[in-house]
Amino acid sequence: MGRQGSFIKLFTDIVISLVILIVSLPILLICMVAIKLETPGPAIFIQDRAGYKGKKFKMYKLRGMFENAHELGPELTVKDDPRVTKVGRLLRRLSIDEIPQFFNVLKGDMSIIGPRPEIISITDNYTEEQRKVFDYKPGITGYSQINGRQLLTPDERIKMELEYYAKANFFTDLIIFLKTPIIVFTNEGNL
């Protein structure tokens, strides 16, 4: 949390990620078994996303859709998406599917707080102004996640994030961090 590139942001990212991964390990293992029991395929979904400076990275999530779902429908998840499994609905409802992204934080690809990491097909069409979002590491949660989540269009999300991250600091990030569980619990803005 804090300004991009600051020691405090790096330190809090590492410490919080380690604590969350250690505490959530039993939940992750149970979820991975449930995913494997319900549908064939890997329990972890890996997808290319655009990260810091526009560099492509592999983002990890617990798989909430049938294997090869990208061949069965749109690139982005839609409301009541039939490709989402029963286990996947629960994982997404509780945002448990996001927990593996803490490994991305430890690898340095992501931060806990930052702009949403988008898929490459969307970022390929960014304007020069929108590409400024690459000045910040993508986050597991962030300003747009507590202010609309999936109800926002990519354009709305980028505009909001560029305004926020240009003046973000430790305390504003702390507010996002503390609000995130409330948003997850109420399922506000989630498809």
C-alpha atoms as a PDB file:
ATOM      1  CA  MET A   1       0.000   0.000   0.000  1.00  0.00           C
ATOM      2  CA  GLY A   2       1.228   3.484  -0.755  1.00  0.00           C
ATOM      3  CA  ARG A   3       2.940   5.153  -3.670  1.00  0.00           C
ATOM      4  CA  GLN A   4       4.062   3.022  -6.604  1.00  0.00           C
ATOM      5  CA  GLY A   5       7.634   1.866  -6.059  1.00  0.00           C
ATOM      6  CA  SER A   6       7.824   2.885  -2.393  1.00  0.00           C
ATOM      7  CA  PHE A   7       9.438   0.664   0.221  1.00  0.00           C
ATOM      8  CA  ILE A   8       6.264   0.682   2.330  1.00  0.00           C
ATOM      9  CA  LYS A   9       4.189  -0.571  -0.625  1.00  0.00           C
ATOM     10  CA  LEU A  10       6.634  -3.383  -1.349  1.00  0.00           C
ATOM     11  CA  PHE A  11       6.920  -4.312   2.333  1.00  0.00           C
ATOM     12  CA  THR A  12       3.151  -4.376   2.965  1.00  0.00           C
ATOM     13  CA  ASP A  13       2.555  -6.309  -0.277  1.00  0.00           C
ATOM     14  CA  ILE A  14       4.989  -9.042   0.762  1.00  0.00           C
ATOM     15  CA  VAL A  15       3.930  -9.304   4.416  1.00  0.00           C
ATOM     16  CA  ILE A  16       0.174  -9.235   3.765  1.00  0.00           C
ATOM     17  CA  SER A  17       0.481 -11.707   0.867  1.00  0.00           C
ATOM     18  CA  LEU A  18       2.474 -14.176   2.951  1.00  0.00           C
ATOM     19  CA  VAL A  19       0.007 -13.962   5.859  1.00  0.00           C
ATOM     20  CA  ILE A  20      -3.045 -14.367   3.606  1.00  0.00           C
ATOM     21  CA  LEU A  21      -1.513 -17.307   1.715  1.00  0.00           C
ATOM     22  CA  ILE A  22      -0.522 -19.099   4.930  1.00  0.00           C
ATOM     23  CA  VAL A  23      -3.911 -18.531   6.587  1.00  0.00           C
ATOM     24  CA  SER A  24      -5.894 -19.432   3.464  1.00  0.00           C
ATOM     25  CA  LEU A  25      -3.889 -22.536   2.519  1.00  0.00           C
ATOM     26  CA  PRO A  26      -6.471 -25.004   3.917  1.00  0.00           C
ATOM     27  CA  ILE A  27      -9.274 -23.133   2.098  1.00  0.00           C
ATOM     28  CA  LEU A  28      -7.275 -23.154  -1.140  1.00  0.00           C
ATOM     29  CA  LEU A  29      -6.660 -26.894  -0.886  1.00  0.00           C
ATOM     30  CA  ILE A  30     -10.350 -27.633  -0.201  1.00  0.00           C
ATOM     31  CA  CYS A  31     -11.390 -25.418  -3.126  1.00  0.00           C
ATOM     32  CA  MET A  32      -8.895 -27.072  -5.467  1.00  0.00           C
ATOM     33  CA  VAL A  33     -10.232 -30.516  -4.563  1.00  0.00           C
ATOM     34  CA  ALA A  34     -13.844 -29.302  -5.067  1.00  0.00           C
ATOM     35  CA  ILE A  35     -12.959 -27.889  -8.496  1.00  0.00           C
ATOM     36  CA  LYS A  36     -11.310 -31.153  -9.551  1.00  0.00           C
ATOM     37  CA  LEU A  37     -14.240 -33.242  -8.261  1.00  0.00           C
ATOM     38  CA  GLU A  38     -16.830 -31.174 -10.135  1.00  0.00           C
ATOM     39  CA  THR A  39     -15.173 -30.809 -13.538  1.00  0.00           C
ATOM     40  CA  PRO A  40     -12.096 -32.105 -15.351  1.00  0.00           C
ATOM     41  CA  GLY A  41      -9.184 -29.778 -15.901  1.00  0.00           C
ATOM     42  CA  PRO A  42      -6.680 -27.867 -13.801  1.00  0.00           C
ATOM     43  CA  ALA A  43      -7.782 -26.240 -10.537  1.00  0.00           C
ATOM     44  CA  ILE A  44      -5.717 -23.135 -11.271  1.00  0.00           C
ATOM     45  CA  PHE A  45      -6.651 -20.942 -14.236  1.00  0.00           C
ATOM     46  CA  ILE A  46      -3.730 -19.056 -15.774  1.00  0.00           C
ATOM     47  CA  GLN A  47      -4.336 -16.170 -18.150  1.00  0.00           C
ATOM     48  CA  ASP A  48      -2.132 -13.550 -19.800  1.00  0.00           C
ATOM     49  CA  ARG A  49      -2.819 -10.065 -18.477  1.00  0.00           C
ATOM     50  CA  ALA A  50      -1.245  -6.670 -19.088  1.00  0.00           C
ATOM     51  CA  GLY A  51       0.833  -5.467 -16.151  1.00  0.00           C
ATOM     52  CA  TYR A  52       3.268  -2.783 -15.115  1.00  0.00           C
ATOM     53  CA  LYS A  53       4.676  -0.888 -18.108  1.00  0.00           C
ATOM     54  CA  GLY A  54       2.328  -2.938 -20.306  1.00  0.00           C
ATOM     55  CA  LYS A  55       4.388  -6.091 -19.776  1.00  0.00           C
ATOM     56  CA  LYS A  56       2.450  -9.320 -20.189  1.00  0.00           C
ATOM     57  CA  PHE A  57       2.312 -11.636 -17.167  1.00  0.00           C
ATOM     58  CA  LYS A  58       0.551 -14.865 -16.183  1.00  0.00           C
ATOM     59  CA  MET A  59      -2.214 -14.183 -13.653  1.00  0.00           C
ATOM     60  CA  TYR A  60      -3.412 -17.010 -11.405  1.00  0.00           C
ATOM     61  CA  LYS A  61      -6.961 -17.687 -10.259  1.00  0.00           C
ATOM     62  CA  LEU A  62      -8.914 -20.674  -9.040  1.00  0.00           C
ATOM     63  CA  ARG A  63     -10.799 -22.002 -12.063  1.00  0.00           C
ATOM     64  CA  GLY A  64     -14.491 -21.128 -11.820  1.00  0.00           C
ATOM     65  CA  MET A  65     -15.544 -22.090 -15.337  1.00  0.00           C
ATOM     66  CA  PHE A  66     -15.587 -25.271 -17.331  1.00  0.00           C
ATOM     67  CA  GLU A  67     -12.244 -26.075 -18.953  1.00  0.00           C
ATOM     68  CA  ASN A  68     -11.799 -24.281 -22.316  1.00  0.00           C
ATOM     69  CA  ALA A  69     -14.657 -21.893 -21.512  1.00  0.00           C
ATOM     70  CA  HIS A  70     -13.053 -19.298 -23.788  1.00  0.00           C
ATOM     71  CA  GLU A  71     -14.005 -21.547 -26.727  1.00  0.00           C
ATOM     72  CA  LEU A  72     -17.633 -21.686 -25.589  1.00  0.00           C
ATOM     73  CA  GLY A  73     -18.522 -18.037 -25.221  1.00  0.00           C
ATOM     74  CA  PRO A  74     -17.455 -14.410 -24.897  1.00  0.00           C
ATOM     75  CA  GLU A  75     -14.024 -13.386 -23.690  1.00  0.00           C
ATOM     76  CA  LEU A  76     -15.457 -11.557 -20.678  1.00  0.00           C
ATOM     77  CA  THR A  77     -17.766 -13.098 -18.098  1.00  0.00           C
ATOM     78  CA  VAL A  78     -21.404 -12.094 -18.463  1.00  0.00           C
ATOM     79  CA  LYS A  79     -24.235 -12.100 -15.934  1.00  0.00           C
ATOM     80  CA  ASP A  80     -25.507 -15.633 -15.221  1.00  0.00           C
ATOM     81  CA  ASP A  81     -22.756 -17.025 -17.443  1.00  0.00           C
ATOM     82  CA  PRO A  82     -23.583 -20.719 -18.129  1.00  0.00           C
ATOM     83  CA  ARG A  83     -19.860 -21.518 -18.356  1.00  0.00           C
ATOM     84  CA  VAL A  84     -19.438 -20.885 -14.608  1.00  0.00           C
ATOM     85  CA  THR A  85     -19.496 -24.098 -12.582  1.00  0.00           C
ATOM     86  CA  LYS A  86     -21.412 -24.574  -9.309  1.00  0.00           C
ATOM     87  CA  VAL A  87     -18.181 -24.452  -7.347  1.00  0.00           C
ATOM     88  CA  GLY A  88     -17.115 -21.464  -9.446  1.00  0.00           C
ATOM     89  CA  ARG A  89     -20.254 -19.525  -8.504  1.00  0.00           C
ATOM     90  CA  LEU A  90     -19.422 -19.921  -4.819  1.00  0.00           C
ATOM     91  CA  LEU A  91     -15.742 -19.072  -5.339  1.00  0.00           C
ATOM     92  CA  ARG A  92     -16.641 -15.945  -7.299  1.00  0.00           C
ATOM     93  CA  ARG A  93     -19.381 -14.924  -4.869  1.00  0.00           C
ATOM     94  CA  LEU A  94     -16.832 -14.935  -2.027  1.00  0.00           C
ATOM     95  CA  SER A  95     -13.911 -13.804  -4.237  1.00  0.00           C
ATOM     96  CA  ILE A  96     -11.984 -16.886  -3.094  1.00  0.00           C
ATOM     97  CA  ASP A  97     -10.994 -17.426  -6.735  1.00  0.00           C
ATOM     98  CA  GLU A  98      -8.702 -14.386  -6.398  1.00  0.00           C
ATOM     99  CA  ILE A  99      -6.524 -15.810  -3.586  1.00  0.00           C
ATOM    100  CA  PRO A 100      -3.875 -17.315  -5.936  1.00  0.00           C
ATOM    101  CA  GLN A 101      -3.139 -13.766  -7.114  1.00  0.00           C
ATOM    102  CA  PHE A 102      -1.203 -13.278  -3.882  1.00  0.00           C
ATOM    103  CA  PHE A 103       1.423 -15.508  -5.551  1.00  0.00           C
ATOM    104  CA  ASN A 104       1.479 -12.914  -8.360  1.00  0.00           C
ATOM    105  CA  VAL A 105       2.166 -10.261  -5.716  1.00  0.00           C
ATOM    106  CA  LEU A 106       5.069 -12.264  -4.287  1.00  0.00           C
ATOM    107  CA  LYS A 107       6.465 -12.721  -7.819  1.00  0.00           C
ATOM    108  CA  GLY A 108       6.334  -8.944  -8.312  1.00  0.00           C
ATOM    109  CA  ASP A 109       3.775  -9.010 -11.136  1.00  0.00           C
ATOM    110  CA  MET A 110       1.022  -7.434  -9.043  1.00  0.00           C
ATOM    111  CA  SER A 111       0.401  -5.378  -5.947  1.00  0.00           C
ATOM    112  CA  ILE A 112      -2.376  -5.800  -3.400  1.00  0.00           C
ATOM    113  CA  ILE A 113      -3.813  -2.388  -4.293  1.00  0.00           C
ATOM    114  CA  GLY A 114      -3.710  -1.227  -7.898  1.00  0.00           C
ATOM    115  CA  PRO A 115      -5.607  -0.947 -11.167  1.00  0.00           C
ATOM    116  CA  ARG A 116      -7.455  -4.015 -12.405  1.00  0.00           C
ATOM    117  CA  PRO A 117      -5.231  -6.229 -14.571  1.00  0.00           C
ATOM    118  CA  GLU A 118      -6.996  -6.441 -17.924  1.00  0.00           C
ATOM    119  CA  ILE A 119      -6.834  -9.070 -20.626  1.00  0.00           C
ATOM    120  CA  ILE A 120      -4.539  -8.331 -23.551  1.00  0.00           C
ATOM    121  CA  SER A 121      -7.304  -8.023 -26.157  1.00  0.00           C
ATOM    122  CA  ILE A 122      -8.708  -5.059 -24.215  1.00  0.00           C
ATOM    123  CA  THR A 123      -5.377  -3.346 -23.498  1.00  0.00           C
ATOM    124  CA  ASP A 124      -4.325  -3.661 -27.150  1.00  0.00           C
ATOM    125  CA  ASN A 125      -7.052  -1.110 -27.902  1.00  0.00           C
ATOM    126  CA  TYR A 126      -6.115   1.405 -25.176  1.00  0.00           C
ATOM    127  CA  THR A 127      -5.602   5.006 -26.192  1.00  0.00           C
ATOM    128  CA  GLU A 128      -2.364   6.779 -25.252  1.00  0.00           C
ATOM    129  CA  GLU A 129      -4.185   8.325 -22.285  1.00  0.00           C
ATOM    130  CA  GLN A 130      -5.497   4.951 -21.122  1.00  0.00           C
ATOM    131  CA  ARG A 131      -2.034   3.399 -21.415  1.00  0.00           C
ATOM    132  CA  LYS A 132      -0.962   5.610 -18.485  1.00  0.00           C
ATOM    133  CA  VAL A 133      -2.589   2.977 -16.264  1.00  0.00           C
ATOM    134  CA  PHE A 134       0.523   0.880 -16.993  1.00  0.00           C
ATOM    135  CA  ASP A 135       2.491   3.313 -14.795  1.00  0.00           C
ATOM    136  CA  TYR A 136       1.070   1.355 -11.838  1.00  0.00           C
ATOM    137  CA  LYS A 137       1.305  -2.322 -10.915  1.00  0.00           C
ATOM    138  CA  PRO A 138      -2.073  -4.012 -11.274  1.00  0.00           C
ATOM    139  CA  GLY A 139      -3.764  -4.960  -8.040  1.00  0.00           C
ATOM    140  CA  ILE A 140      -5.838  -7.733  -6.530  1.00  0.00           C
ATOM    141  CA  THR A 141      -8.179  -5.028  -5.325  1.00  0.00           C
ATOM    142  CA  GLY A 142      -8.293  -1.351  -6.033  1.00  0.00           C
ATOM    143  CA  TYR A 143     -10.287   1.809  -6.399  1.00  0.00           C
ATOM    144  CA  SER A 144     -12.553   0.506  -9.169  1.00  0.00           C
ATOM    145  CA  GLN A 145     -13.074  -2.753  -7.258  1.00  0.00           C
ATOM    146  CA  ILE A 146     -14.682  -0.906  -4.354  1.00  0.00           C
ATOM    147  CA  ASN A 147     -16.540   1.532  -6.622  1.00  0.00           C
ATOM    148  CA  GLY A 148     -18.484  -0.548  -9.109  1.00  0.00           C
ATOM    149  CA  ARG A 149     -16.444  -3.673  -9.799  1.00  0.00           C
ATOM    150  CA  GLN A 150     -17.807  -5.536 -12.817  1.00  0.00           C
ATOM    151  CA  LEU A 151     -20.613  -3.055 -13.390  1.00  0.00           C
ATOM    152  CA  LEU A 152     -18.064  -0.606 -14.795  1.00  0.00           C
ATOM    153  CA  THR A 153     -17.031  -0.605 -18.432  1.00  0.00           C
ATOM    154  CA  PRO A 154     -13.274  -0.850 -19.079  1.00  0.00           C
ATOM    155  CA  ASP A 155     -13.324   2.847 -20.122  1.00  0.00           C
ATOM    156  CA  GLU A 156     -15.056   3.920 -16.891  1.00  0.00           C
ATOM    157  CA  ARG A 157     -12.671   1.806 -14.828  1.00  0.00           C
ATOM    158  CA  ILE A 158      -9.526   3.239 -16.448  1.00  0.00           C
ATOM    159  CA  LYS A 159     -10.684   6.843 -16.082  1.00  0.00           C
ATOM    160  CA  MET A 160     -11.461   6.258 -12.407  1.00  0.00           C
ATOM    161  CA  GLU A 161      -8.160   4.471 -11.765  1.00  0.00           C
ATOM    162  CA  LEU A 162      -5.997   7.079 -13.492  1.00  0.00           C
ATOM    163  CA  GLU A 163      -7.539   9.829 -11.358  1.00  0.00           C
ATOM    164  CA  TYR A 164      -7.095   7.826  -8.152  1.00  0.00           C
ATOM    165  CA  TYR A 165      -3.600   6.330  -8.549  1.00  0.00           C
ATOM    166  CA  ALA A 166      -2.020   9.643  -9.563  1.00  0.00           C
ATOM    167  CA  LYS A 167      -2.550  10.813  -5.956  1.00  0.00           C
ATOM    168  CA  ALA A 168      -2.720   7.527  -4.026  1.00  0.00           C
ATOM    169  CA  ASN A 169      -0.877   7.167  -0.737  1.00  0.00           C
ATOM    170  CA  PHE A 170      -0.641   4.685   2.116  1.00  0.00           C
ATOM    171  CA  PHE A 171      -3.779   5.933   3.871  1.00  0.00           C
ATOM    172  CA  THR A 172      -5.995   6.013   0.784  1.00  0.00           C
ATOM    173  CA  ASP A 173      -4.822   2.490  -0.080  1.00  0.00           C
ATOM    174  CA  LEU A 174      -5.508   1.404   3.502  1.00  0.00           C
ATOM    175  CA  ILE A 175      -9.124   2.563   3.092  1.00  0.00           C
ATOM    176  CA  ILE A 176      -9.436   0.438  -0.076  1.00  0.00           C
ATOM    177  CA  PHE A 177      -7.916  -2.536   1.742  1.00  0.00           C
ATOM    178  CA  LEU A 178     -10.377  -2.178   4.639  1.00  0.00           C
ATOM    179  CA  LYS A 179     -13.420  -1.624   2.371  1.00  0.00           C
ATOM    180  CA  THR A 180     -12.690  -4.631   0.162  1.00  0.00           C
ATOM    181  CA  PRO A 181     -14.027  -7.299   2.580  1.00  0.00           C
ATOM    182  CA  ILE A 182     -17.271  -5.311   2.939  1.00  0.00           C
ATOM    183  CA  ILE A 183     -17.716  -5.175  -0.839  1.00  0.00           C
ATOM    184  CA  VAL A 184     -16.944  -8.907  -1.101  1.00  0.00           C
ATOM    185  CA  PHE A 185     -19.360  -9.763   1.719  1.00  0.00           C
ATOM    186  CA  THR A 186     -22.219  -7.707   0.215  1.00  0.00           C
ATOM    187  CA  ASN A 187     -21.348  -8.946  -3.312  1.00  0.00           C
ATOM    188  CA  GLU A 188     -21.785  -5.378  -4.514  1.00  0.00           C
ATOM    189  CA  GLY A 189     -21.004  -4.916  -8.212  1.00  0.00           C
ATOM    190  CA  ASN A 190     -20.217  -8.591  -8.812  1.00  0.00           C
ATOM    191  CA  LEU A 191     -21.647 -10.528 -11.765  1.00  0.00           C
END
